Amino acid sequence: MEKSRTNSKFRAFGKLLLVAFFIVLLSNCIYHNESEYFAATPADTCNTQNMSYQNDIKSILEANCLACHKTTNASFGINLEGYAKVKPYAQSGELSKVINHVAGYDPMPKNASKMSDCDIAKIDAWIEQGIQNN
C-alpha cells in the first residue's frame, strides 16, 4: 500500500511538471505584431537590380567621392570622374574595399561618415552585375 501511495505521488508530481512545462512553453508563444518582427530593413527597400553607372552610380560617386577625386583635384592621383576612370578601381575590387571599410584599405570617404548601406549595396551590386555603363 505504501508503494502505491509513493507511485501515485510521483505520477501527480510528474503531471504537475508536465503542466508547468506546457505553461512555460505556451507563454513564449504570445501574439506579436508581425510588422514589429518583419519590418523592412534598409537593405529590403534598397533596389539594387539592374545597376548602371549613368543611372545609379554616378550620382553616388558625385556626392561622396568627387570632392577629392576629380580631374582638378585627384587626391593621391585617384580620379573617379567618369566611367572610364572609375572602371579600373571597380574591376580591381579596390572601390568596394575602401567603401566597405575593409581592413588594410583607407576607409572612404576620408574624414566623413561611411556611405549609406544602400549606396554601398548599389555600388557592390553594380560591380557584381558587370560594371555596366548603360
Protein backbone atom coordinates (compact mmCIF):
# COMPACT_ATOMS: atom_id res chain seq x y z
CA MET A 1 0.00 0.00 0.00
CA GLU A 2 2.85 2.37 0.83
CA LYS A 3 4.41 1.70 -2.56
CA SER A 4 1.20 2.59 -4.45
CA ARG A 5 0.93 5.87 -2.49
CA THR A 6 4.50 6.74 -3.45
CA ASN A 7 3.83 5.89 -7.11
CA SER A 8 0.67 7.99 -7.01
CA LYS A 9 2.64 10.96 -5.60
CA PHE A 10 5.28 10.59 -8.33
CA ARG A 11 2.60 10.43 -11.03
CA ALA A 12 0.90 13.54 -9.63
CA PHE A 13 4.24 15.34 -9.43
CA GLY A 14 5.06 14.26 -13.00
CA LYS A 15 1.73 15.57 -14.25
CA LEU A 16 2.31 18.83 -12.41
CA LEU A 17 5.75 19.17 -14.04
CA LEU A 18 4.27 18.42 -17.46
CA VAL A 19 1.57 21.08 -17.00
CA ALA A 20 4.18 23.61 -15.80
CA PHE A 21 6.35 22.82 -18.83
CA PHE A 22 3.47 23.46 -21.25
CA ILE A 23 2.53 26.69 -19.47
CA VAL A 24 6.10 27.95 -19.81
CA LEU A 25 6.26 26.78 -23.42
CA LEU A 26 2.96 28.39 -24.38
CA SER A 27 3.70 31.62 -22.54
CA ASN A 28 6.51 32.19 -25.04
CA CYS A 29 4.00 31.99 -27.90
CA ILE A 30 2.49 35.39 -27.28
CA TYR A 31 0.97 37.11 -30.30
CA HIS A 32 3.10 39.95 -31.56
CA ASN A 33 2.51 42.44 -34.28
CA GLU A 34 4.10 40.90 -37.36
CA SER A 35 5.37 44.26 -38.58
CA GLU A 36 7.47 44.61 -35.43
CA TYR A 37 9.39 41.46 -36.26
CA PHE A 38 9.40 41.59 -40.03
CA ALA A 39 9.74 45.31 -40.65
CA ALA A 40 11.51 46.31 -43.82
CA THR A 41 15.19 46.99 -43.36
CA PRO A 42 17.15 49.46 -45.49
CA ALA A 43 18.55 46.53 -47.46
CA ASP A 44 14.98 45.39 -48.23
CA THR A 45 13.97 48.80 -49.55
CA CYS A 46 17.19 49.43 -51.47
CA ASN A 47 16.75 48.49 -55.10
CA THR A 48 19.98 47.01 -56.43
CA GLN A 49 18.56 45.47 -59.58
CA ASN A 50 20.00 46.42 -62.98
CA MET A 51 22.55 48.91 -61.69
CA SER A 52 24.24 51.17 -64.23
CA TYR A 53 26.89 53.82 -63.93
CA GLN A 54 24.84 56.58 -65.55
CA ASN A 55 21.55 55.89 -63.77
CA ASP A 56 22.71 54.84 -60.31
CA ILE A 57 26.41 55.00 -59.53
CA LYS A 58 27.47 58.36 -60.97
CA SER A 59 25.31 60.37 -58.53
CA ILE A 60 26.59 58.33 -55.54
CA LEU A 61 30.20 58.97 -56.53
CA GLU A 62 29.50 62.66 -57.15
CA ALA A 63 28.00 63.01 -53.68
CA ASN A 64 30.65 61.01 -51.83
CA CYS A 65 33.90 60.91 -53.81
CA LEU A 66 34.39 63.67 -56.32
CA ALA A 67 35.15 66.39 -53.79
CA CYS A 68 38.58 64.77 -53.51
CA HIS A 69 38.85 62.52 -56.56
CA LYS A 70 38.13 64.54 -59.70
CA THR A 71 40.30 65.74 -62.55
CA THR A 72 41.15 69.10 -60.95
CA ASN A 73 41.79 67.60 -57.51
CA ALA A 74 42.80 63.94 -57.81
CA SER A 75 43.79 63.13 -54.25
CA PHE A 76 46.61 60.53 -54.23
CA GLY A 77 46.34 60.50 -58.03
CA ILE A 78 42.95 58.78 -57.89
CA ASN A 79 40.49 60.30 -60.34
CA LEU A 80 36.94 58.95 -60.19
CA GLU A 81 35.43 61.45 -62.61
CA GLY A 82 33.71 59.49 -65.34
CA TYR A 83 33.01 55.86 -66.07
CA ALA A 84 36.35 55.16 -67.78
CA LYS A 85 38.28 56.35 -64.71
CA VAL A 86 36.08 54.52 -62.17
CA LYS A 87 36.02 51.20 -64.01
CA PRO A 88 39.61 50.07 -63.17
CA TYR A 89 39.01 50.65 -59.44
CA ALA A 90 35.74 48.75 -59.63
CA GLN A 91 37.34 45.87 -61.56
CA SER A 92 40.26 45.56 -59.16
CA GLY A 93 37.96 45.41 -56.14
CA GLU A 94 39.61 48.44 -54.56
CA LEU A 95 36.48 50.61 -54.83
CA SER A 96 34.39 48.08 -52.93
CA LYS A 97 37.04 47.54 -50.28
CA VAL A 98 37.51 51.22 -49.45
CA ILE A 99 33.78 52.00 -49.24
CA ASN A 100 33.15 48.87 -47.15
CA HIS A 101 36.00 49.85 -44.79
CA VAL A 102 37.87 46.56 -45.27
CA ALA A 103 40.92 46.24 -43.03
CA GLY A 104 44.12 47.24 -44.79
CA TYR A 105 42.41 49.85 -47.00
CA ASP A 106 41.87 53.53 -46.26
CA PRO A 107 38.18 53.89 -45.40
CA MET A 108 36.36 56.22 -47.78
CA PRO A 109 35.05 58.81 -47.89
CA LYS A 110 38.02 60.18 -45.96
CA ASN A 111 37.22 62.11 -42.77
CA ALA A 112 33.48 61.66 -43.33
CA SER A 113 30.75 59.27 -42.31
CA LYS A 114 30.61 55.91 -44.00
CA MET A 115 28.36 55.90 -47.05
CA SER A 116 24.82 54.64 -46.50
CA ASP A 117 24.29 50.88 -46.57
CA CYS A 118 22.07 51.35 -49.62
CA ASP A 119 24.69 53.30 -51.57
CA ILE A 120 27.33 50.70 -50.73
CA ALA A 121 24.94 47.90 -51.74
CA LYS A 122 24.26 49.65 -55.05
CA ILE A 123 27.95 50.01 -55.87
CA ASP A 124 28.68 46.41 -54.88
CA ALA A 125 25.71 45.19 -56.96
CA TRP A 126 26.86 47.29 -59.92
CA ILE A 127 30.29 45.65 -59.71
CA GLU A 128 28.79 42.15 -59.37
CA GLN A 129 26.46 42.83 -62.31
CA GLY A 130 29.36 43.61 -64.64
CA ILE A 131 30.15 47.31 -64.14
CA GLN A 132 27.59 48.44 -66.71
CA ASN A 133 27.71 51.93 -68.29
CA ASN A 134 24.19 51.92 -69.70
